[in-house]
Amino acid sequence: MLEFNVMLLGAKPWKMVDEKTGEIREGVSCHYINLDSPIDSDKGKGYEGIKQTLPRDQYTKILSMAVPCLAVMRANLEMSGKNTKVKPVTFDQVEAVSVKMK
């Protein structure tokens, strides 16, 4: 399993009915910044926000966390044809982050 240092910005559960199959699908949309991959080139500067889905059962764990927070994201690699994707499995809080405007 892969590990990434991230800032977890927020999470929101979702539920929908697949129009083709009628199957109920659900998950948790998570927004985070991968702190291990800053951009510093002519293509950009800083960090890009990322949105990915976790299994719905992870929402209970996220509710117990102080969000936003620094966290370790554990993930698997999913390979599909020529594409390789990082698929988050869980977040483990490291430290709460205070966000205040002055």
N, C-alpha and C. Protein backbone atom coordinates (compact mmCIF):
# COMPACT_ATOMS: atom_id res chain seq x y z
N MET A 1 0.85 -1.18 0.00
CA MET A 1 0.00 0.00 0.00
C MET A 1 0.89 1.24 0.00
N LEU A 2 0.49 2.23 -0.77
CA LEU A 2 1.22 3.49 -0.86
C LEU A 2 0.78 4.44 0.25
N GLU A 3 1.68 5.35 0.65
CA GLU A 3 1.34 6.37 1.64
C GLU A 3 1.75 7.74 1.10
N PHE A 4 0.87 8.73 1.31
CA PHE A 4 1.13 10.10 0.86
C PHE A 4 0.83 11.05 2.02
N ASN A 5 1.65 12.09 2.15
CA ASN A 5 1.39 13.16 3.12
C ASN A 5 0.44 14.16 2.45
N VAL A 6 -0.71 14.38 3.06
CA VAL A 6 -1.73 15.23 2.46
C VAL A 6 -2.30 16.20 3.48
N MET A 7 -3.01 17.22 2.98
CA MET A 7 -3.86 18.05 3.81
C MET A 7 -5.28 17.72 3.39
N LEU A 8 -6.04 17.11 4.28
CA LEU A 8 -7.43 16.78 4.01
C LEU A 8 -8.25 18.03 4.25
N LEU A 9 -8.92 18.51 3.20
CA LEU A 9 -9.67 19.77 3.28
C LEU A 9 -11.13 19.57 3.65
N GLY A 10 -11.70 18.47 3.23
CA GLY A 10 -13.11 18.23 3.53
C GLY A 10 -13.59 16.92 2.95
N ALA A 11 -14.75 16.50 3.41
CA ALA A 11 -15.35 15.25 2.94
C ALA A 11 -16.87 15.38 2.97
N LYS A 12 -17.53 14.75 2.00
CA LYS A 12 -18.98 14.82 1.92
C LYS A 12 -19.52 13.49 1.40
N PRO A 13 -20.43 12.85 2.16
CA PRO A 13 -21.00 11.59 1.68
C PRO A 13 -21.98 11.84 0.53
N TRP A 14 -22.11 10.84 -0.34
CA TRP A 14 -23.06 10.93 -1.45
C TRP A 14 -23.71 9.59 -1.68
N LYS A 15 -24.88 9.64 -2.32
CA LYS A 15 -25.64 8.43 -2.63
C LYS A 15 -26.45 8.72 -3.87
N MET A 16 -26.46 7.79 -4.82
CA MET A 16 -27.21 7.98 -6.05
C MET A 16 -27.67 6.63 -6.61
N VAL A 17 -28.65 6.68 -7.47
CA VAL A 17 -29.13 5.48 -8.14
C VAL A 17 -28.55 5.47 -9.55
N ASP A 18 -27.86 4.40 -9.91
CA ASP A 18 -27.32 4.25 -11.26
C ASP A 18 -28.50 4.12 -12.23
N GLU A 19 -28.60 5.06 -13.18
CA GLU A 19 -29.74 5.09 -14.09
C GLU A 19 -29.83 3.85 -14.99
N LYS A 20 -28.69 3.26 -15.31
CA LYS A 20 -28.69 2.10 -16.21
C LYS A 20 -29.03 0.80 -15.49
N THR A 21 -28.49 0.63 -14.28
CA THR A 21 -28.65 -0.65 -13.58
C THR A 21 -29.67 -0.59 -12.44
N GLY A 22 -29.99 0.62 -11.97
CA GLY A 22 -30.87 0.76 -10.82
C GLY A 22 -30.16 0.51 -9.51
N GLU A 23 -28.88 0.20 -9.55
CA GLU A 23 -28.08 -0.07 -8.36
C GLU A 23 -27.84 1.22 -7.57
N ILE A 24 -27.93 1.13 -6.25
CA ILE A 24 -27.62 2.26 -5.39
C ILE A 24 -26.12 2.30 -5.19
N ARG A 25 -25.53 3.44 -5.52
CA ARG A 25 -24.09 3.63 -5.36
C ARG A 25 -23.88 4.72 -4.31
N GLU A 26 -22.87 4.54 -3.48
CA GLU A 26 -22.58 5.55 -2.46
C GLU A 26 -21.10 5.58 -2.15
N GLY A 27 -20.67 6.70 -1.61
CA GLY A 27 -19.28 6.88 -1.26
C GLY A 27 -19.09 8.18 -0.51
N VAL A 28 -17.84 8.58 -0.38
CA VAL A 28 -17.49 9.84 0.28
C VAL A 28 -16.54 10.60 -0.64
N SER A 29 -16.95 11.79 -1.08
CA SER A 29 -16.06 12.65 -1.86
C SER A 29 -15.11 13.33 -0.90
N CYS A 30 -13.82 13.16 -1.15
CA CYS A 30 -12.79 13.77 -0.30
C CYS A 30 -11.96 14.75 -1.12
N HIS A 31 -11.74 15.92 -0.55
CA HIS A 31 -10.93 16.95 -1.18
C HIS A 31 -9.64 17.07 -0.38
N TYR A 32 -8.51 17.01 -1.07
CA TYR A 32 -7.22 17.07 -0.37
C TYR A 32 -6.14 17.65 -1.27
N ILE A 33 -5.03 17.98 -0.66
CA ILE A 33 -3.84 18.45 -1.37
C ILE A 33 -2.73 17.45 -1.07
N ASN A 34 -2.08 16.94 -2.11
CA ASN A 34 -0.95 16.03 -1.93
C ASN A 34 0.29 16.87 -1.64
N LEU A 35 0.75 16.88 -0.40
CA LEU A 35 1.89 17.71 0.00
C LEU A 35 3.21 17.16 -0.51
N ASP A 36 3.21 15.92 -1.02
CA ASP A 36 4.43 15.31 -1.56
C ASP A 36 4.68 15.71 -3.01
N SER A 37 3.74 16.43 -3.64
CA SER A 37 3.85 16.73 -5.07
C SER A 37 3.60 18.19 -5.41
N PRO A 38 4.45 19.10 -4.92
CA PRO A 38 4.25 20.51 -5.31
C PRO A 38 4.61 20.71 -6.78
N ILE A 39 4.00 21.72 -7.37
CA ILE A 39 4.29 22.07 -8.76
C ILE A 39 5.19 23.30 -8.72
N ASP A 40 6.29 23.26 -9.44
CA ASP A 40 7.19 24.41 -9.53
C ASP A 40 7.84 24.38 -10.90
N SER A 41 7.09 24.82 -11.88
CA SER A 41 7.60 24.81 -13.25
C SER A 41 6.85 25.87 -14.05
N ASP A 42 7.12 25.89 -15.35
CA ASP A 42 6.40 26.83 -16.20
C ASP A 42 4.94 26.43 -16.36
N LYS A 43 4.57 25.23 -15.88
CA LYS A 43 3.18 24.76 -15.96
C LYS A 43 2.36 25.12 -14.73
N GLY A 44 3.02 25.62 -13.68
CA GLY A 44 2.28 26.01 -12.49
C GLY A 44 3.17 26.15 -11.28
N LYS A 45 2.56 26.62 -10.19
CA LYS A 45 3.28 26.86 -8.95
C LYS A 45 2.36 26.49 -7.79
N GLY A 46 2.87 25.77 -6.82
CA GLY A 46 2.10 25.45 -5.63
C GLY A 46 1.52 24.05 -5.65
N TYR A 47 0.29 23.92 -5.13
CA TYR A 47 -0.37 22.63 -5.01
C TYR A 47 -1.72 22.65 -5.71
N GLU A 48 -2.12 21.51 -6.25
CA GLU A 48 -3.43 21.40 -6.88
C GLU A 48 -4.35 20.62 -5.96
N GLY A 49 -5.58 21.09 -5.84
CA GLY A 49 -6.58 20.35 -5.08
C GLY A 49 -7.01 19.10 -5.84
N ILE A 50 -7.26 18.03 -5.11
CA ILE A 50 -7.66 16.75 -5.70
C ILE A 50 -8.96 16.30 -5.06
N LYS A 51 -9.86 15.75 -5.87
CA LYS A 51 -11.11 15.19 -5.37
C LYS A 51 -11.14 13.72 -5.75
N GLN A 52 -11.36 12.87 -4.76
CA GLN A 52 -11.46 11.44 -5.01
C GLN A 52 -12.55 10.86 -4.11
N THR A 53 -13.00 9.66 -4.46
CA THR A 53 -14.04 8.99 -3.68
C THR A 53 -13.46 7.86 -2.84
N LEU A 54 -13.89 7.81 -1.60
CA LEU A 54 -13.57 6.71 -0.69
C LEU A 54 -14.82 5.89 -0.45
N PRO A 55 -14.67 4.66 0.04
CA PRO A 55 -15.85 3.88 0.41
C PRO A 55 -16.66 4.61 1.49
N ARG A 56 -17.98 4.45 1.46
CA ARG A 56 -18.90 5.15 2.37
C ARG A 56 -18.57 4.90 3.84
N ASP A 57 -18.08 3.71 4.17
CA ASP A 57 -17.80 3.39 5.57
C ASP A 57 -16.67 4.23 6.15
N GLN A 58 -15.89 4.91 5.33
CA GLN A 58 -14.80 5.75 5.82
C GLN A 58 -15.31 7.07 6.39
N TYR A 59 -16.56 7.44 6.10
CA TYR A 59 -17.09 8.72 6.57
C TYR A 59 -17.15 8.78 8.10
N THR A 60 -17.50 7.69 8.74
CA THR A 60 -17.54 7.65 10.21
C THR A 60 -16.18 8.00 10.79
N LYS A 61 -15.12 7.47 10.19
CA LYS A 61 -13.76 7.76 10.65
C LYS A 61 -13.43 9.24 10.43
N ILE A 62 -13.80 9.77 9.27
CA ILE A 62 -13.50 11.17 8.96
C ILE A 62 -14.26 12.11 9.90
N LEU A 63 -15.48 11.74 10.30
CA LEU A 63 -16.25 12.56 11.24
C LEU A 63 -15.52 12.74 12.58
N SER A 64 -14.70 11.78 12.95
CA SER A 64 -13.97 11.86 14.23
C SER A 64 -12.69 12.68 14.12
N MET A 65 -12.35 13.10 12.90
CA MET A 65 -11.12 13.86 12.68
C MET A 65 -11.40 15.36 12.72
N ALA A 66 -10.38 16.14 13.07
CA ALA A 66 -10.46 17.60 12.99
C ALA A 66 -10.09 17.99 11.57
N VAL A 67 -11.07 18.35 10.77
CA VAL A 67 -10.83 18.69 9.37
C VAL A 67 -11.00 20.18 9.18
N PRO A 68 -10.07 20.91 8.55
CA PRO A 68 -8.94 20.39 7.80
C PRO A 68 -7.84 19.89 8.72
N CYS A 69 -7.05 18.97 8.16
CA CYS A 69 -5.95 18.41 8.95
C CYS A 69 -4.85 17.88 8.04
N LEU A 70 -3.67 17.77 8.63
CA LEU A 70 -2.59 17.05 7.97
C LEU A 70 -2.86 15.57 8.22
N ALA A 71 -2.66 14.75 7.20
CA ALA A 71 -2.99 13.34 7.33
C ALA A 71 -2.06 12.50 6.45
N VAL A 72 -2.06 11.21 6.73
CA VAL A 72 -1.43 10.24 5.86
C VAL A 72 -2.55 9.56 5.08
N MET A 73 -2.46 9.63 3.76
CA MET A 73 -3.44 8.95 2.92
C MET A 73 -2.84 7.62 2.49
N ARG A 74 -3.56 6.55 2.76
CA ARG A 74 -3.14 5.23 2.30
C ARG A 74 -3.93 4.91 1.04
N ALA A 75 -3.24 4.40 0.03
CA ALA A 75 -3.88 4.20 -1.26
C ALA A 75 -3.31 2.97 -1.98
N ASN A 76 -4.09 2.49 -2.92
CA ASN A 76 -3.65 1.41 -3.81
C ASN A 76 -3.52 1.97 -5.22
N LEU A 77 -2.77 1.27 -6.04
CA LEU A 77 -2.70 1.60 -7.46
C LEU A 77 -3.70 0.75 -8.21
N GLU A 78 -4.49 1.37 -9.07
CA GLU A 78 -5.42 0.66 -9.94
C GLU A 78 -4.92 0.80 -11.37
N MET A 79 -4.74 -0.33 -12.03
CA MET A 79 -4.27 -0.31 -13.41
C MET A 79 -5.39 -0.76 -14.33
N SER A 80 -5.65 0.06 -15.34
CA SER A 80 -6.70 -0.24 -16.31
C SER A 80 -6.15 0.09 -17.70
N GLY A 81 -5.79 -0.94 -18.45
CA GLY A 81 -5.19 -0.70 -19.76
C GLY A 81 -3.88 0.05 -19.61
N LYS A 82 -3.79 1.21 -20.24
CA LYS A 82 -2.57 2.02 -20.16
C LYS A 82 -2.62 3.01 -19.01
N ASN A 83 -3.76 3.10 -18.33
CA ASN A 83 -3.94 4.09 -17.25
C ASN A 83 -3.63 3.49 -15.89
N THR A 84 -2.95 4.25 -15.07
CA THR A 84 -2.69 3.88 -13.68
C THR A 84 -3.23 4.99 -12.80
N LYS A 85 -4.07 4.63 -11.81
CA LYS A 85 -4.68 5.61 -10.92
C LYS A 85 -4.33 5.29 -9.48
N VAL A 86 -4.17 6.34 -8.69
CA VAL A 86 -4.03 6.20 -7.25
C VAL A 86 -5.45 6.17 -6.68
N LYS A 87 -5.79 5.11 -5.96
CA LYS A 87 -7.14 4.94 -5.39
C LYS A 87 -7.03 5.00 -3.87
N PRO A 88 -7.44 6.15 -3.25
CA PRO A 88 -7.36 6.26 -1.79
C PRO A 88 -8.19 5.19 -1.09
N VAL A 89 -7.68 4.72 0.04
CA VAL A 89 -8.37 3.72 0.85
C VAL A 89 -8.81 4.33 2.18
N THR A 90 -7.91 5.12 2.80
CA THR A 90 -8.21 5.71 4.09
C THR A 90 -7.29 6.90 4.35
N PHE A 91 -7.73 7.76 5.27
CA PHE A 91 -6.91 8.87 5.77
C PHE A 91 -6.71 8.67 7.26
N ASP A 92 -5.50 8.92 7.74
CA ASP A 92 -5.22 8.89 9.18
C ASP A 92 -4.70 10.26 9.58
N GLN A 93 -5.42 10.91 10.50
CA GLN A 93 -5.05 12.27 10.93
C GLN A 93 -3.70 12.27 11.63
N VAL A 94 -2.90 13.28 11.30
CA VAL A 94 -1.61 13.49 11.96
C VAL A 94 -1.71 14.71 12.88
N GLU A 95 -2.29 15.80 12.34
CA GLU A 95 -2.36 17.05 13.10
C GLU A 95 -3.46 17.94 12.55
N ALA A 96 -4.23 18.55 13.43
CA ALA A 96 -5.28 19.49 13.01
C ALA A 96 -4.62 20.75 12.45
N VAL A 97 -5.30 21.41 11.53
CA VAL A 97 -4.80 22.65 10.93
C VAL A 97 -5.83 23.74 11.20
N SER A 98 -5.37 24.87 11.71
CA SER A 98 -6.25 26.00 11.96
C SER A 98 -6.20 26.93 10.77
N VAL A 99 -7.35 27.28 10.24
CA VAL A 99 -7.43 28.19 9.09
C VAL A 99 -8.19 29.42 9.52
N LYS A 100 -7.48 30.56 9.60
CA LYS A 100 -8.10 31.80 10.03
C LYS A 100 -7.66 32.93 9.12
N MET A 101 -8.60 33.79 8.78
CA MET A 101 -8.30 34.97 7.99
C MET A 101 -8.07 36.15 8.93
N LYS A 102 -7.11 36.97 8.61
CA LYS A 102 -6.85 38.16 9.44
C LYS A 102 -7.37 39.38 8.77
